[in-house]
Amino acid sequence: MYSVYILFSGELKRYYTGQAASVDRRLNQHQSGSGKYTSRAGDWQIVFTCDF
């Protein structure tokens, strides 16, 4: 099963949308700075998920 998710960074005051099989694992990757866009902040929080 895949999920679409929306993250929010209070530090950047920006949203990020993505899709993944494991949202929790993907959030950990975003928090650790492994993504180009999301590496600019470490405070990403899940604000929405939808499973498919």
N, C-alpha and C. Protein backbone atom coordinates (compact mmCIF):
# COMPACT_ATOMS: atom_id res chain seq x y z
N MET A 1 0.84 -1.17 0.00
CA MET A 1 0.00 0.00 0.00
C MET A 1 0.89 1.25 0.00
N TYR A 2 0.50 2.22 -0.75
CA TYR A 2 1.22 3.50 -0.79
C TYR A 2 0.38 4.59 -0.16
N SER A 3 1.05 5.62 0.28
CA SER A 3 0.39 6.76 0.90
C SER A 3 0.89 8.05 0.26
N VAL A 4 -0.01 8.99 0.10
CA VAL A 4 0.35 10.35 -0.25
C VAL A 4 0.39 11.11 1.06
N TYR A 5 1.39 11.97 1.23
CA TYR A 5 1.52 12.69 2.49
C TYR A 5 1.88 14.14 2.25
N ILE A 6 1.53 14.97 3.21
CA ILE A 6 1.92 16.38 3.20
C ILE A 6 2.64 16.66 4.50
N LEU A 7 3.82 17.25 4.37
CA LEU A 7 4.62 17.66 5.53
C LEU A 7 4.61 19.17 5.63
N PHE A 8 4.80 19.67 6.84
CA PHE A 8 4.92 21.11 7.05
C PHE A 8 6.15 21.39 7.89
N SER A 9 6.90 22.42 7.50
CA SER A 9 8.05 22.88 8.27
C SER A 9 7.74 24.27 8.81
N GLY A 10 7.69 24.39 10.13
CA GLY A 10 7.49 25.70 10.75
C GLY A 10 8.70 26.60 10.55
N GLU A 11 9.87 25.99 10.49
CA GLU A 11 11.11 26.75 10.28
C GLU A 11 11.11 27.45 8.92
N LEU A 12 10.70 26.73 7.88
CA LEU A 12 10.65 27.30 6.53
C LEU A 12 9.30 27.91 6.19
N LYS A 13 8.28 27.55 6.97
CA LYS A 13 6.90 27.94 6.68
C LYS A 13 6.50 27.48 5.27
N ARG A 14 6.82 26.20 5.01
CA ARG A 14 6.53 25.61 3.71
C ARG A 14 5.97 24.20 3.87
N TYR A 15 5.24 23.78 2.83
CA TYR A 15 4.69 22.43 2.76
C TYR A 15 5.50 21.62 1.75
N TYR A 16 5.48 20.30 1.94
CA TYR A 16 6.11 19.37 1.02
C TYR A 16 5.15 18.21 0.82
N THR A 17 4.93 17.81 -0.42
CA THR A 17 4.04 16.70 -0.74
C THR A 17 4.86 15.56 -1.33
N GLY A 18 4.54 14.34 -0.91
CA GLY A 18 5.25 13.18 -1.44
C GLY A 18 4.40 11.93 -1.36
N GLN A 19 4.97 10.81 -1.81
CA GLN A 19 4.30 9.52 -1.72
C GLN A 19 5.33 8.49 -1.35
N ALA A 20 4.90 7.48 -0.59
CA ALA A 20 5.82 6.45 -0.12
C ALA A 20 5.05 5.23 0.37
N ALA A 21 5.74 4.11 0.42
CA ALA A 21 5.14 2.89 0.98
C ALA A 21 5.09 2.97 2.50
N SER A 22 6.06 3.64 3.10
CA SER A 22 6.09 3.80 4.56
C SER A 22 6.32 5.28 4.88
N VAL A 23 5.28 5.95 5.29
CA VAL A 23 5.38 7.38 5.58
C VAL A 23 6.31 7.64 6.76
N ASP A 24 6.25 6.81 7.79
CA ASP A 24 7.12 7.01 8.95
C ASP A 24 8.60 6.89 8.57
N ARG A 25 8.92 5.89 7.77
CA ARG A 25 10.31 5.72 7.33
C ARG A 25 10.75 6.90 6.46
N ARG A 26 9.85 7.33 5.58
CA ARG A 26 10.18 8.46 4.69
C ARG A 26 10.35 9.74 5.50
N LEU A 27 9.52 9.95 6.52
CA LEU A 27 9.67 11.13 7.38
C LEU A 27 11.04 11.12 8.05
N ASN A 28 11.48 9.97 8.52
CA ASN A 28 12.81 9.87 9.12
C ASN A 28 13.90 10.26 8.13
N GLN A 29 13.73 9.87 6.87
CA GLN A 29 14.70 10.25 5.84
C GLN A 29 14.69 11.77 5.63
N HIS A 30 13.51 12.36 5.60
CA HIS A 30 13.41 13.82 5.46
C HIS A 30 14.06 14.51 6.65
N GLN A 31 13.80 14.02 7.84
CA GLN A 31 14.35 14.64 9.06
C GLN A 31 15.87 14.54 9.11
N SER A 32 16.44 13.49 8.53
CA SER A 32 17.89 13.28 8.59
C SER A 32 18.65 14.07 7.53
N GLY A 33 17.92 14.76 6.65
CA GLY A 33 18.58 15.60 5.66
C GLY A 33 18.98 14.89 4.38
N SER A 34 18.39 13.73 4.10
CA SER A 34 18.79 12.98 2.91
C SER A 34 18.08 13.46 1.63
N GLY A 35 17.07 14.30 1.76
CA GLY A 35 16.39 14.84 0.58
C GLY A 35 16.89 16.23 0.25
N LYS A 36 16.96 16.55 -1.04
CA LYS A 36 17.49 17.86 -1.45
C LYS A 36 16.63 19.01 -0.93
N TYR A 37 15.33 18.95 -1.14
CA TYR A 37 14.45 20.04 -0.73
C TYR A 37 14.27 20.07 0.78
N THR A 38 14.04 18.91 1.38
CA THR A 38 13.70 18.86 2.81
C THR A 38 14.91 18.94 3.72
N SER A 39 16.12 18.90 3.17
CA SER A 39 17.32 18.98 4.01
C SER A 39 17.52 20.37 4.60
N ARG A 40 16.78 21.36 4.10
CA ARG A 40 16.93 22.73 4.59
C ARG A 40 16.31 22.95 5.96
N ALA A 41 15.54 21.98 6.45
CA ALA A 41 14.91 22.12 7.77
C ALA A 41 14.85 20.74 8.43
N GLY A 42 14.81 20.72 9.75
CA GLY A 42 14.75 19.45 10.47
C GLY A 42 13.49 19.30 11.29
N ASP A 43 12.51 20.16 11.04
CA ASP A 43 11.30 20.15 11.87
C ASP A 43 10.05 19.72 11.10
N TRP A 44 10.20 18.89 10.08
CA TRP A 44 9.05 18.47 9.28
C TRP A 44 8.08 17.66 10.12
N GLN A 45 6.79 17.95 9.94
CA GLN A 45 5.72 17.23 10.64
C GLN A 45 4.69 16.79 9.62
N ILE A 46 4.14 15.60 9.82
CA ILE A 46 3.08 15.10 8.94
C ILE A 46 1.79 15.83 9.28
N VAL A 47 1.17 16.45 8.27
CA VAL A 47 -0.10 17.13 8.50
C VAL A 47 -1.26 16.44 7.78
N PHE A 48 -0.94 15.52 6.83
CA PHE A 48 -1.99 14.82 6.10
C PHE A 48 -1.42 13.55 5.49
N THR A 49 -2.21 12.47 5.52
CA THR A 49 -1.88 11.24 4.79
C THR A 49 -3.15 10.67 4.18
N CYS A 50 -2.99 10.01 3.05
CA CYS A 50 -4.09 9.31 2.39
C CYS A 50 -3.52 8.02 1.80
N ASP A 51 -4.08 6.88 2.21
CA ASP A 51 -3.58 5.57 1.76
C ASP A 51 -4.30 5.11 0.51
N PHE A 52 -3.53 4.45 -0.37
CA PHE A 52 -4.09 3.89 -1.60
C PHE A 52 -3.78 2.42 -1.69
